[in-house]
């Protein structure tokens, strides 16, 4: 029993250390029930990103939220990836009620639904999820995702000209993006991009 308590204390110390050294966050004056005037300045917000701890903490912290949605509210069509989630229903009024209950639950965790990204609409219009626009018959890559990647390719071109990057370095660097967008109907998009950004006498074959 004592050994378990020591292990728990060490785990809590490590978790606190990671969270306290999270990435700098933009200051936001969010107040929740029971907060004092200076609460937004006294409480650190945000999680460290760039490694698996953000996914782990997100899943750990929102595990109860999953059970609340599935078991408490009885939502049969619900999915979540870290802090992105979606609920489906044939009843628009039911979705508005679910949204209200979600907001209440999350406020108890000192969280809020994103005002601009939380929407209720027909699935035929396309659902924005995990960097894609998901339609009933197909998926498209978000334009912002494409713009970001093209900027990254321009930087890689500059490095290639200076000799600080090899073709193999570039291939390895872009494989993650390719693996991501392959989940969408993106072959034509990838073909156009890699024909546009040439690193040698011919386009680098990065479609596979």
N, C-alpha and C. Protein backbone atom coordinates (compact mmCIF):
# COMPACT_ATOMS: atom_id res chain seq x y z
N UNK A 1 0.82 -1.20 0.00
CA UNK A 1 0.00 0.00 0.00
C UNK A 1 0.87 1.26 0.00
N UNK A 2 1.91 1.28 0.83
CA UNK A 2 2.81 2.43 0.89
C UNK A 2 3.50 2.63 -0.45
N UNK A 3 3.93 1.52 -1.07
CA UNK A 3 4.61 1.61 -2.35
C UNK A 3 3.68 2.21 -3.41
N UNK A 4 2.40 1.84 -3.38
CA UNK A 4 1.43 2.38 -4.32
C UNK A 4 1.25 3.89 -4.13
N UNK A 5 1.22 4.33 -2.85
CA UNK A 5 1.07 5.75 -2.57
C UNK A 5 2.28 6.54 -3.07
N UNK A 6 3.47 5.97 -2.91
CA UNK A 6 4.69 6.63 -3.40
C UNK A 6 4.65 6.75 -4.92
N UNK A 7 4.23 5.64 -5.58
CA UNK A 7 4.14 5.66 -7.04
C UNK A 7 3.12 6.68 -7.51
N UNK A 8 1.98 6.79 -6.80
CA UNK A 8 0.96 7.78 -7.16
C UNK A 8 1.49 9.20 -7.01
N UNK A 9 2.20 9.43 -5.91
CA UNK A 9 2.75 10.76 -5.66
C UNK A 9 3.76 11.14 -6.73
N UNK A 10 4.59 10.18 -7.15
CA UNK A 10 5.59 10.45 -8.17
C UNK A 10 4.92 10.72 -9.52
N UNK A 11 3.86 9.96 -9.81
CA UNK A 11 3.15 10.16 -11.07
C UNK A 11 2.49 11.54 -11.10
N UNK A 12 1.89 11.94 -9.97
CA UNK A 12 1.25 13.25 -9.90
C UNK A 12 2.28 14.37 -10.01
N UNK A 13 3.45 14.17 -9.41
CA UNK A 13 4.53 15.16 -9.52
C UNK A 13 4.96 15.31 -10.98
N UNK A 14 5.12 14.19 -11.69
CA UNK A 14 5.54 14.23 -13.09
C UNK A 14 4.48 14.93 -13.95
N UNK A 15 3.21 14.60 -13.72
CA UNK A 15 2.12 15.23 -14.47
C UNK A 15 2.11 16.74 -14.24
N UNK A 16 2.23 17.14 -12.98
CA UNK A 16 2.24 18.58 -12.66
C UNK A 16 3.41 19.29 -13.31
N UNK A 17 4.58 18.64 -13.32
CA UNK A 17 5.77 19.23 -13.93
C UNK A 17 5.58 19.44 -15.42
N UNK A 18 5.00 18.44 -16.09
CA UNK A 18 4.76 18.55 -17.53
C UNK A 18 3.78 19.67 -17.84
N UNK A 19 2.69 19.71 -17.09
CA UNK A 19 1.66 20.73 -17.34
C UNK A 19 2.19 22.13 -17.04
N UNK A 20 2.94 22.26 -15.97
CA UNK A 20 3.46 23.58 -15.60
C UNK A 20 4.47 24.11 -16.61
N UNK A 21 5.03 23.21 -17.42
CA UNK A 21 6.00 23.63 -18.44
C UNK A 21 5.40 23.55 -19.84
N UNK A 22 4.09 23.77 -19.91
CA UNK A 22 3.41 23.71 -21.20
C UNK A 22 3.77 24.91 -22.06
N UNK A 23 3.38 24.85 -23.32
CA UNK A 23 3.66 25.93 -24.26
C UNK A 23 2.99 27.22 -23.82
N UNK A 24 3.60 28.37 -24.09
CA UNK A 24 2.97 29.65 -23.73
C UNK A 24 1.59 29.77 -24.38
N UNK A 25 0.62 30.26 -23.63
CA UNK A 25 -0.74 30.39 -24.12
C UNK A 25 -1.14 31.86 -24.19
N UNK A 26 -2.03 32.17 -25.12
CA UNK A 26 -2.56 33.53 -25.18
C UNK A 26 -3.44 33.78 -23.96
N UNK A 27 -3.30 34.95 -23.33
CA UNK A 27 -4.12 35.23 -22.15
C UNK A 27 -5.60 35.36 -22.52
N UNK A 28 -6.46 34.66 -21.78
CA UNK A 28 -7.90 34.70 -21.99
C UNK A 28 -8.58 34.87 -20.65
N UNK A 29 -9.45 35.85 -20.54
CA UNK A 29 -10.16 36.10 -19.28
C UNK A 29 -11.45 35.28 -19.21
N UNK A 30 -11.29 33.98 -19.03
CA UNK A 30 -12.44 33.09 -18.88
C UNK A 30 -12.76 32.92 -17.41
N UNK A 31 -14.02 33.18 -17.07
CA UNK A 31 -14.47 33.00 -15.69
C UNK A 31 -15.47 31.86 -15.62
N UNK A 32 -15.35 31.07 -14.54
CA UNK A 32 -16.28 29.98 -14.29
C UNK A 32 -16.92 30.18 -12.92
N UNK A 33 -17.97 29.43 -12.68
CA UNK A 33 -18.71 29.59 -11.42
C UNK A 33 -17.78 29.44 -10.22
N UNK A 34 -17.86 30.39 -9.31
CA UNK A 34 -17.06 30.34 -8.10
C UNK A 34 -15.70 31.00 -8.21
N UNK A 35 -15.35 31.51 -9.38
CA UNK A 35 -14.04 32.14 -9.59
C UNK A 35 -13.95 33.48 -8.87
N UNK A 36 -12.75 33.79 -8.42
CA UNK A 36 -12.48 35.12 -7.89
C UNK A 36 -12.12 36.05 -9.04
N UNK A 37 -11.93 37.31 -8.75
CA UNK A 37 -11.62 38.30 -9.78
C UNK A 37 -10.32 37.97 -10.50
N UNK A 38 -9.34 37.42 -9.78
CA UNK A 38 -8.02 37.18 -10.36
C UNK A 38 -7.81 35.73 -10.81
N UNK A 39 -8.86 34.91 -10.76
CA UNK A 39 -8.73 33.50 -11.11
C UNK A 39 -8.12 33.26 -12.50
N UNK A 40 -8.51 33.99 -13.56
CA UNK A 40 -7.92 33.73 -14.89
C UNK A 40 -6.41 33.97 -14.93
N UNK A 41 -5.91 34.83 -14.04
CA UNK A 41 -4.47 35.12 -14.02
C UNK A 41 -3.71 34.17 -13.11
N UNK A 42 -4.40 33.56 -12.17
CA UNK A 42 -3.75 32.69 -11.20
C UNK A 42 -3.68 31.24 -11.66
N UNK A 43 -4.58 30.84 -12.56
CA UNK A 43 -4.64 29.46 -13.00
C UNK A 43 -3.98 29.32 -14.37
N UNK A 44 -3.00 28.42 -14.47
CA UNK A 44 -2.33 28.19 -15.74
C UNK A 44 -3.27 27.42 -16.66
N UNK A 45 -3.23 27.73 -17.94
CA UNK A 45 -4.11 27.06 -18.88
C UNK A 45 -3.30 26.49 -20.05
N UNK A 46 -3.85 25.45 -20.69
CA UNK A 46 -3.19 24.84 -21.84
C UNK A 46 -2.40 23.60 -21.47
N UNK A 47 -2.11 22.79 -22.49
CA UNK A 47 -1.34 21.56 -22.34
C UNK A 47 -0.10 21.62 -23.23
N UNK A 48 0.97 20.93 -22.83
CA UNK A 48 2.16 20.89 -23.70
C UNK A 48 1.83 20.15 -24.99
N UNK A 49 2.19 20.71 -26.13
CA UNK A 49 1.93 20.07 -27.42
C UNK A 49 3.24 19.68 -28.08
N UNK A 50 3.13 18.84 -29.11
CA UNK A 50 4.33 18.42 -29.82
C UNK A 50 4.78 17.02 -29.47
N UNK A 51 4.15 16.40 -28.51
CA UNK A 51 4.46 15.00 -28.19
C UNK A 51 3.18 14.31 -27.75
N UNK A 52 3.28 13.09 -27.28
CA UNK A 52 2.09 12.29 -26.98
C UNK A 52 1.39 12.68 -25.69
N UNK A 53 1.99 13.56 -24.89
CA UNK A 53 1.35 13.90 -23.61
C UNK A 53 0.04 14.64 -23.83
N UNK A 54 -0.06 15.46 -24.87
CA UNK A 54 -1.30 16.20 -25.10
C UNK A 54 -2.44 15.24 -25.43
N UNK A 55 -2.16 14.23 -26.28
CA UNK A 55 -3.19 13.24 -26.58
C UNK A 55 -3.56 12.44 -25.34
N UNK A 56 -2.55 12.07 -24.56
CA UNK A 56 -2.80 11.27 -23.36
C UNK A 56 -3.66 12.03 -22.36
N UNK A 57 -3.27 13.29 -22.08
CA UNK A 57 -4.03 14.08 -21.11
C UNK A 57 -5.43 14.39 -21.64
N UNK A 58 -5.53 14.63 -22.94
CA UNK A 58 -6.84 14.90 -23.52
C UNK A 58 -7.78 13.72 -23.35
N UNK A 59 -7.28 12.52 -23.61
CA UNK A 59 -8.11 11.32 -23.45
C UNK A 59 -8.42 11.03 -21.99
N UNK A 60 -7.43 11.25 -21.13
CA UNK A 60 -7.63 11.01 -19.71
C UNK A 60 -8.68 11.97 -19.13
N UNK A 61 -8.54 13.23 -19.48
CA UNK A 61 -9.41 14.27 -18.92
C UNK A 61 -10.84 14.16 -19.45
N UNK A 62 -10.98 13.72 -20.69
CA UNK A 62 -12.30 13.68 -21.32
C UNK A 62 -12.92 12.28 -21.34
N UNK A 63 -12.31 11.33 -20.65
CA UNK A 63 -12.89 9.99 -20.59
C UNK A 63 -14.29 10.03 -19.99
N UNK A 64 -14.47 10.80 -18.92
CA UNK A 64 -15.78 10.93 -18.30
C UNK A 64 -16.78 11.60 -19.23
N UNK A 65 -16.29 12.52 -20.05
CA UNK A 65 -17.14 13.20 -21.02
C UNK A 65 -17.69 12.21 -22.04
N UNK A 66 -16.84 11.27 -22.47
CA UNK A 66 -17.29 10.23 -23.41
C UNK A 66 -18.44 9.43 -22.82
N UNK A 67 -18.29 9.02 -21.56
CA UNK A 67 -19.35 8.23 -20.90
C UNK A 67 -20.60 9.06 -20.69
N UNK A 68 -20.42 10.35 -20.42
CA UNK A 68 -21.57 11.23 -20.25
C UNK A 68 -22.38 11.31 -21.55
N UNK A 69 -21.68 11.45 -22.68
CA UNK A 69 -22.36 11.55 -23.97
C UNK A 69 -23.02 10.23 -24.36
N UNK A 70 -22.26 9.14 -24.22
CA UNK A 70 -22.77 7.84 -24.67
C UNK A 70 -23.79 7.26 -23.71
N UNK A 71 -23.48 7.26 -22.42
CA UNK A 71 -24.33 6.60 -21.43
C UNK A 71 -25.36 7.55 -20.83
N UNK A 72 -24.89 8.77 -20.47
CA UNK A 72 -25.79 9.71 -19.82
C UNK A 72 -26.83 10.30 -20.77
N UNK A 73 -26.38 10.71 -21.97
CA UNK A 73 -27.28 11.32 -22.93
C UNK A 73 -27.81 10.32 -23.96
N UNK A 74 -27.21 9.13 -23.99
CA UNK A 74 -27.69 8.10 -24.90
C UNK A 74 -27.41 8.36 -26.37
N UNK A 75 -26.34 9.08 -26.67
CA UNK A 75 -25.99 9.36 -28.06
C UNK A 75 -25.34 8.13 -28.69
N UNK A 76 -25.97 7.59 -29.69
CA UNK A 76 -25.45 6.38 -30.33
C UNK A 76 -24.39 6.70 -31.38
N UNK A 77 -24.49 7.86 -32.00
CA UNK A 77 -23.54 8.24 -33.05
C UNK A 77 -22.67 9.38 -32.55
N UNK A 78 -21.55 9.03 -31.91
CA UNK A 78 -20.64 10.01 -31.30
C UNK A 78 -19.22 9.55 -31.55
N UNK A 79 -18.35 10.48 -31.90
CA UNK A 79 -16.93 10.15 -32.06
C UNK A 79 -16.09 11.32 -31.58
N UNK A 80 -14.90 11.00 -31.10
CA UNK A 80 -13.99 12.03 -30.58
C UNK A 80 -12.56 11.63 -30.87
N UNK A 81 -11.74 12.63 -31.23
CA UNK A 81 -10.29 12.48 -31.32
C UNK A 81 -9.68 13.63 -30.55
N UNK A 82 -9.12 13.34 -29.37
CA UNK A 82 -8.57 14.32 -28.44
C UNK A 82 -9.64 15.36 -28.12
N UNK A 83 -9.55 16.59 -28.65
CA UNK A 83 -10.56 17.60 -28.30
C UNK A 83 -11.50 17.93 -29.46
N UNK A 84 -11.45 17.13 -30.52
CA UNK A 84 -12.40 17.27 -31.63
C UNK A 84 -13.44 16.17 -31.54
N UNK A 85 -14.71 16.54 -31.54
CA UNK A 85 -15.74 15.51 -31.45
C UNK A 85 -16.97 15.91 -32.26
N UNK A 86 -17.77 14.90 -32.59
CA UNK A 86 -18.98 15.13 -33.39
C UNK A 86 -20.07 14.20 -32.90
N UNK A 87 -21.31 14.69 -32.96
CA UNK A 87 -22.50 13.92 -32.60
C UNK A 87 -23.47 13.99 -33.77
N UNK A 88 -24.08 12.86 -34.10
CA UNK A 88 -25.01 12.81 -35.22
C UNK A 88 -26.40 12.41 -34.74
N UNK A 89 -27.40 13.04 -35.34
CA UNK A 89 -28.79 12.73 -35.01
C UNK A 89 -29.68 13.18 -36.16
N UNK A 90 -30.84 12.54 -36.31
CA UNK A 90 -31.82 12.96 -37.31
C UNK A 90 -32.72 14.08 -36.80
N UNK A 91 -32.58 14.43 -35.52
CA UNK A 91 -33.44 15.43 -34.88
C UNK A 91 -32.60 16.66 -34.54
N UNK A 92 -32.84 17.77 -35.23
CA UNK A 92 -32.07 18.99 -35.01
C UNK A 92 -32.26 19.53 -33.60
N UNK A 93 -33.50 19.49 -33.08
CA UNK A 93 -33.76 19.98 -31.73
C UNK A 93 -33.01 19.16 -30.70
N UNK A 94 -32.91 17.86 -30.94
CA UNK A 94 -32.16 16.99 -30.02
C UNK A 94 -30.70 17.41 -29.97
N UNK A 95 -30.14 17.77 -31.11
CA UNK A 95 -28.74 18.19 -31.15
C UNK A 95 -28.52 19.49 -30.38
N UNK A 96 -29.47 20.43 -30.46
CA UNK A 96 -29.35 21.66 -29.69
C UNK A 96 -29.39 21.36 -28.18
N UNK A 97 -30.24 20.43 -27.79
CA UNK A 97 -30.32 20.05 -26.37
C UNK A 97 -29.03 19.37 -25.92
N UNK A 98 -28.49 18.51 -26.77
CA UNK A 98 -27.22 17.84 -26.45
C UNK A 98 -26.11 18.86 -26.31
N UNK A 99 -26.07 19.82 -27.21
CA UNK A 99 -25.05 20.88 -27.15
C UNK A 99 -25.13 21.62 -25.81
N UNK A 100 -26.35 21.94 -25.36
CA UNK A 100 -26.51 22.61 -24.08
C UNK A 100 -26.01 21.78 -22.92
N UNK A 101 -26.31 20.48 -22.95
CA UNK A 101 -25.85 19.59 -21.87
C UNK A 101 -24.33 19.44 -21.90
N UNK A 102 -23.77 19.38 -23.09
CA UNK A 102 -22.30 19.32 -23.23
C UNK A 102 -21.65 20.54 -22.59
N UNK A 103 -22.20 21.70 -22.90
CA UNK A 103 -21.65 22.95 -22.40
C UNK A 103 -21.66 22.96 -20.86
N UNK A 104 -22.75 22.49 -20.27
CA UNK A 104 -22.85 22.43 -18.81
C UNK A 104 -21.79 21.49 -18.24
N UNK A 105 -21.64 20.32 -18.84
CA UNK A 105 -20.68 19.33 -18.34
C UNK A 105 -19.25 19.87 -18.44
N UNK A 106 -18.91 20.46 -19.58
CA UNK A 106 -17.55 20.93 -19.79
C UNK A 106 -17.20 22.12 -18.90
N UNK A 107 -18.17 22.96 -18.60
CA UNK A 107 -17.91 24.09 -17.71
C UNK A 107 -17.49 23.61 -16.32
N UNK A 108 -18.02 22.47 -15.90
CA UNK A 108 -17.61 21.91 -14.60
C UNK A 108 -16.15 21.48 -14.63
N UNK A 109 -15.61 21.24 -15.82
CA UNK A 109 -14.18 20.90 -15.99
C UNK A 109 -13.36 22.14 -16.35
N UNK A 110 -13.98 23.32 -16.29
CA UNK A 110 -13.34 24.58 -16.67
C UNK A 110 -12.96 24.57 -18.15
N UNK A 111 -13.86 24.04 -18.97
CA UNK A 111 -13.67 24.01 -20.42
C UNK A 111 -14.89 24.64 -21.09
N UNK A 112 -14.70 25.13 -22.31
CA UNK A 112 -15.79 25.71 -23.07
C UNK A 112 -15.78 25.18 -24.49
N UNK A 113 -16.96 25.04 -25.07
CA UNK A 113 -17.04 24.71 -26.49
C UNK A 113 -16.53 25.89 -27.31
N UNK A 114 -15.83 25.60 -28.39
CA UNK A 114 -15.31 26.65 -29.27
C UNK A 114 -16.49 27.31 -29.99
N UNK A 115 -16.66 28.60 -29.77
CA UNK A 115 -17.85 29.28 -30.30
C UNK A 115 -17.91 29.28 -31.82
N UNK A 116 -16.76 29.37 -32.50
CA UNK A 116 -16.76 29.44 -33.96
C UNK A 116 -16.79 28.06 -34.62
N UNK A 117 -16.32 27.04 -33.90
CA UNK A 117 -16.22 25.71 -34.50
C UNK A 117 -17.37 24.78 -34.11
N UNK A 118 -18.19 25.20 -33.16
CA UNK A 118 -19.32 24.37 -32.73
C UNK A 118 -20.54 24.75 -33.55
N UNK A 119 -20.97 23.85 -34.43
CA UNK A 119 -22.07 24.15 -35.34
C UNK A 119 -23.01 22.95 -35.44
N UNK A 120 -24.25 23.23 -35.81
CA UNK A 120 -25.23 22.19 -36.08
C UNK A 120 -25.72 22.40 -37.51
N UNK A 121 -25.55 21.38 -38.35
CA UNK A 121 -25.88 21.53 -39.77
C UNK A 121 -26.08 20.15 -40.39
N UNK A 122 -26.70 20.08 -41.57
CA UNK A 122 -26.90 18.79 -42.26
C UNK A 122 -25.56 18.22 -42.72
N UNK A 123 -25.38 16.91 -42.61
CA UNK A 123 -24.12 16.28 -43.00
C UNK A 123 -23.86 16.43 -44.50
N UNK A 124 -24.90 16.66 -45.30
CA UNK A 124 -24.70 16.83 -46.73
C UNK A 124 -23.87 18.07 -47.04
N UNK A 125 -23.83 19.03 -46.09
CA UNK A 125 -23.04 20.25 -46.28
C UNK A 125 -21.55 20.03 -46.05
N UNK A 126 -21.19 18.87 -45.49
CA UNK A 126 -19.80 18.58 -45.21
C UNK A 126 -19.41 18.93 -43.79
N UNK A 127 -18.80 17.99 -43.11
CA UNK A 127 -18.39 18.17 -41.71
C UNK A 127 -16.90 18.42 -41.64
N UNK A 128 -16.49 19.53 -41.02
CA UNK A 128 -15.07 19.84 -40.85
C UNK A 128 -14.53 19.05 -39.67
N UNK A 129 -13.61 18.12 -39.93
CA UNK A 129 -13.13 17.25 -38.86
C UNK A 129 -11.71 16.79 -39.16
N UNK A 130 -10.80 17.04 -38.21
CA UNK A 130 -9.41 16.57 -38.26
C UNK A 130 -8.69 16.97 -39.55
N UNK A 131 -8.92 18.20 -39.99
CA UNK A 131 -8.20 18.69 -41.16
C UNK A 131 -8.85 18.33 -42.49
N UNK A 132 -10.06 17.75 -42.44
CA UNK A 132 -10.76 17.38 -43.66
C UNK A 132 -12.16 17.99 -43.67
N UNK A 133 -12.73 18.08 -44.86
CA UNK A 133 -14.16 18.30 -45.01
C UNK A 133 -14.74 16.95 -45.40
N UNK A 134 -15.55 16.38 -44.51
CA UNK A 134 -16.07 15.03 -44.70
C UNK A 134 -17.50 15.11 -45.22
N UNK A 135 -17.70 14.56 -46.40
CA UNK A 135 -19.02 14.49 -47.02
C UNK A 135 -19.49 13.03 -47.02
N UNK A 136 -20.77 12.79 -47.25
CA UNK A 136 -21.25 11.40 -47.24
C UNK A 136 -20.54 10.48 -48.23
N UNK A 137 -20.12 11.02 -49.39
CA UNK A 137 -19.51 10.18 -50.41
C UNK A 137 -17.99 10.35 -50.56
N UNK A 138 -17.41 11.42 -49.99
CA UNK A 138 -15.99 11.66 -50.19
C UNK A 138 -15.45 12.59 -49.12
N UNK A 139 -14.10 12.76 -49.10
CA UNK A 139 -13.42 13.65 -48.16
C UNK A 139 -12.47 14.58 -48.92
N UNK A 140 -12.41 15.84 -48.50
CA UNK A 140 -11.51 16.83 -49.10
C UNK A 140 -10.56 17.38 -48.04
N UNK A 141 -9.36 17.72 -48.45
CA UNK A 141 -8.38 18.33 -47.55
C UNK A 141 -8.70 19.81 -47.39
N UNK A 142 -8.62 20.32 -46.16
CA UNK A 142 -8.89 21.74 -45.93
C UNK A 142 -7.86 22.60 -46.66
N UNK A 143 -8.32 23.75 -47.19
CA UNK A 143 -7.43 24.65 -47.92
C UNK A 143 -6.31 25.18 -47.03
N UNK A 144 -6.63 25.43 -45.76
CA UNK A 144 -5.60 25.93 -44.84
C UNK A 144 -4.48 24.90 -44.68
N UNK A 145 -4.84 23.64 -44.66
CA UNK A 145 -3.86 22.56 -44.57
C UNK A 145 -2.94 22.58 -45.79
N UNK A 146 -3.53 22.76 -46.96
CA UNK A 146 -2.75 22.78 -48.20
C UNK A 146 -1.82 24.00 -48.23
N UNK A 147 -2.34 25.17 -47.83
CA UNK A 147 -1.50 26.38 -47.81
C UNK A 147 -0.31 26.22 -46.88
N UNK A 148 -0.56 25.63 -45.71
CA UNK A 148 0.53 25.42 -44.75
C UNK A 148 1.59 24.49 -45.34
N UNK A 149 1.15 23.42 -45.99
CA UNK A 149 2.09 22.45 -46.54
C UNK A 149 2.89 23.05 -47.69
N UNK A 150 2.24 23.85 -48.52
CA UNK A 150 2.96 24.48 -49.63
C UNK A 150 4.02 25.45 -49.09
N UNK A 151 3.72 26.15 -48.02
CA UNK A 151 4.73 27.01 -47.39
C UNK A 151 5.90 26.19 -46.89
N UNK A 152 5.60 25.03 -46.35
CA UNK A 152 6.66 24.12 -45.88
C UNK A 152 7.51 23.64 -47.04
N UNK A 153 6.88 23.34 -48.19
CA UNK A 153 7.64 22.90 -49.36
C UNK A 153 8.55 24.00 -49.88
N UNK A 154 8.07 25.25 -49.85
CA UNK A 154 8.91 26.37 -50.31
C UNK A 154 10.16 26.50 -49.43
N UNK A 155 9.96 26.30 -48.11
CA UNK A 155 11.11 26.35 -47.20
C UNK A 155 12.08 25.21 -47.49
N UNK A 156 11.54 24.03 -47.80
CA UNK A 156 12.40 22.89 -48.13
C UNK A 156 13.14 23.13 -49.43
N UNK A 157 12.49 23.79 -50.40
CA UNK A 157 13.17 24.14 -51.65
C UNK A 157 14.38 25.03 -51.38
N UNK A 158 14.18 26.01 -50.52
CA UNK A 158 15.29 26.92 -50.19
C UNK A 158 16.44 26.16 -49.53
N UNK A 159 16.10 25.25 -48.63
CA UNK A 159 17.14 24.44 -47.97
C UNK A 159 17.85 23.54 -48.97
N UNK A 160 17.09 23.02 -49.95
CA UNK A 160 17.67 22.14 -50.96
C UNK A 160 18.66 22.91 -51.84
N UNK A 161 18.29 24.13 -52.20
CA UNK A 161 19.19 24.96 -53.02
C UNK A 161 20.49 25.27 -52.28
N UNK A 162 20.37 25.50 -50.96
CA UNK A 162 21.56 25.81 -50.16
C UNK A 162 22.38 24.56 -49.88
N UNK A 163 21.81 23.38 -50.13
CA UNK A 163 22.53 22.14 -49.88
C UNK A 163 22.38 21.61 -48.47
N UNK A 164 21.52 22.23 -47.68
CA UNK A 164 21.34 21.78 -46.30
C UNK A 164 20.33 20.63 -46.18
N UNK A 165 19.61 20.34 -47.28
CA UNK A 165 18.67 19.22 -47.31
C UNK A 165 18.91 18.40 -48.56
N UNK A 166 18.86 17.07 -48.41
CA UNK A 166 18.95 16.17 -49.57
C UNK A 166 17.55 15.76 -49.99
N UNK A 167 17.45 15.12 -51.17
CA UNK A 167 16.15 14.63 -51.62
C UNK A 167 15.57 13.62 -50.62
N UNK A 168 16.44 12.82 -50.03
CA UNK A 168 15.95 11.84 -49.05
C UNK A 168 15.43 12.54 -47.80
N UNK A 169 16.12 13.60 -47.36
CA UNK A 169 15.64 14.40 -46.22
C UNK A 169 14.24 14.94 -46.52
N UNK A 170 14.05 15.45 -47.73
CA UNK A 170 12.77 16.03 -48.11
C UNK A 170 11.69 14.96 -48.15
N UNK A 171 12.03 13.81 -48.73
CA UNK A 171 11.06 12.71 -48.80
C UNK A 171 10.58 12.32 -47.40
N UNK A 172 11.51 12.18 -46.49
CA UNK A 172 11.16 11.81 -45.11
C UNK A 172 10.30 12.90 -44.46
N UNK A 173 10.65 14.16 -44.74
CA UNK A 173 9.96 15.28 -44.11
C UNK A 173 8.49 15.36 -44.50
N UNK A 174 8.17 14.99 -45.74
CA UNK A 174 6.79 15.17 -46.20
C UNK A 174 5.94 13.91 -46.09
N UNK A 175 6.53 12.81 -45.68
CA UNK A 175 5.77 11.55 -45.63
C UNK A 175 4.60 11.62 -44.65
N UNK A 176 4.78 12.36 -43.54
CA UNK A 176 3.69 12.47 -42.57
C UNK A 176 2.47 13.15 -43.17
N UNK A 177 2.70 14.23 -43.95
CA UNK A 177 1.59 14.93 -44.58
C UNK A 177 0.90 14.03 -45.60
N UNK A 178 1.70 13.32 -46.37
CA UNK A 178 1.12 12.41 -47.37
C UNK A 178 0.26 11.35 -46.70
N UNK A 179 0.77 10.77 -45.62
CA UNK A 179 0.01 9.75 -44.90
C UNK A 179 -1.31 10.30 -44.38
N UNK A 180 -1.30 11.58 -44.01
CA UNK A 180 -2.53 12.22 -43.50
C UNK A 180 -3.53 12.43 -44.63
N UNK A 181 -3.11 13.08 -45.70
CA UNK A 181 -4.06 13.45 -46.76
C UNK A 181 -4.48 12.26 -47.61
N UNK A 182 -3.78 11.14 -47.50
CA UNK A 182 -4.20 9.93 -48.21
C UNK A 182 -5.56 9.44 -47.72
N UNK A 183 -5.98 9.91 -46.54
CA UNK A 183 -7.30 9.53 -46.03
C UNK A 183 -8.41 10.28 -46.74
N UNK A 184 -8.05 11.25 -47.57
CA UNK A 184 -9.04 12.00 -48.36
C UNK A 184 -8.90 11.61 -49.83
N UNK A 185 -9.81 12.10 -50.65
CA UNK A 185 -9.72 11.91 -52.10
C UNK A 185 -8.74 12.95 -52.64
N UNK A 186 -7.45 12.68 -52.47
CA UNK A 186 -6.45 13.73 -52.67
C UNK A 186 -5.37 13.38 -53.68
N UNK A 187 -5.53 12.33 -54.47
CA UNK A 187 -4.46 11.97 -55.39
C UNK A 187 -4.18 13.10 -56.38
N UNK A 188 -5.24 13.68 -56.96
CA UNK A 188 -5.06 14.77 -57.90
C UNK A 188 -4.40 15.98 -57.26
N UNK A 189 -4.78 16.28 -56.01
CA UNK A 189 -4.18 17.39 -55.27
C UNK A 189 -2.69 17.16 -55.07
N UNK A 190 -2.33 15.98 -54.64
CA UNK A 190 -0.91 15.67 -54.42
C UNK A 190 -0.13 15.74 -55.72
N UNK A 191 -0.73 15.26 -56.78
CA UNK A 191 -0.07 15.29 -58.09
C UNK A 191 0.22 16.73 -58.52
N UNK A 192 -0.76 17.62 -58.35
CA UNK A 192 -0.57 19.02 -58.73
C UNK A 192 0.51 19.69 -57.88
N UNK A 193 0.50 19.42 -56.57
CA UNK A 193 1.47 20.06 -55.68
C UNK A 193 2.88 19.61 -56.01
N UNK A 194 3.09 18.31 -56.20
CA UNK A 194 4.45 17.83 -56.40
C UNK A 194 4.95 18.05 -57.82
N UNK A 195 4.05 18.39 -58.74
CA UNK A 195 4.50 18.85 -60.06
C UNK A 195 4.90 20.33 -60.00
N UNK A 196 4.29 21.06 -59.09
CA UNK A 196 4.54 22.49 -58.95
C UNK A 196 5.86 22.77 -58.25
N UNK A 197 6.18 21.97 -57.23
CA UNK A 197 7.40 22.21 -56.44
C UNK A 197 8.46 21.21 -56.87
N UNK A 198 9.37 21.68 -57.73
CA UNK A 198 10.42 20.84 -58.31
C UNK A 198 11.71 21.03 -57.52
N UNK A 199 12.36 19.91 -57.18
CA UNK A 199 13.59 19.97 -56.38
C UNK A 199 14.82 19.59 -57.20
N UNK A 200 14.61 19.06 -58.40
CA UNK A 200 15.75 18.72 -59.26
C UNK A 200 15.27 18.86 -60.70
N UNK A 201 15.81 18.09 -61.65
CA UNK A 201 15.44 18.25 -63.05
C UNK A 201 14.01 17.80 -63.35
N UNK A 202 13.45 17.00 -62.46
CA UNK A 202 12.07 16.55 -62.62
C UNK A 202 11.42 16.52 -61.24
N UNK A 203 10.09 16.55 -61.17
CA UNK A 203 9.43 16.54 -59.87
C UNK A 203 9.83 15.33 -59.04
N UNK A 204 10.05 15.54 -57.78
CA UNK A 204 10.40 14.43 -56.90
C UNK A 204 9.19 13.51 -56.72
N UNK A 205 9.36 12.21 -56.95
CA UNK A 205 8.21 11.29 -56.90
C UNK A 205 7.77 11.02 -55.46
N UNK A 206 6.84 11.84 -54.98
CA UNK A 206 6.43 11.74 -53.57
C UNK A 206 4.95 11.34 -53.42
N UNK A 207 4.36 10.81 -54.48
CA UNK A 207 2.93 10.49 -54.40
C UNK A 207 2.64 9.21 -53.67
N UNK A 208 3.62 8.34 -53.54
CA UNK A 208 3.35 7.04 -52.92
C UNK A 208 3.82 7.03 -51.49
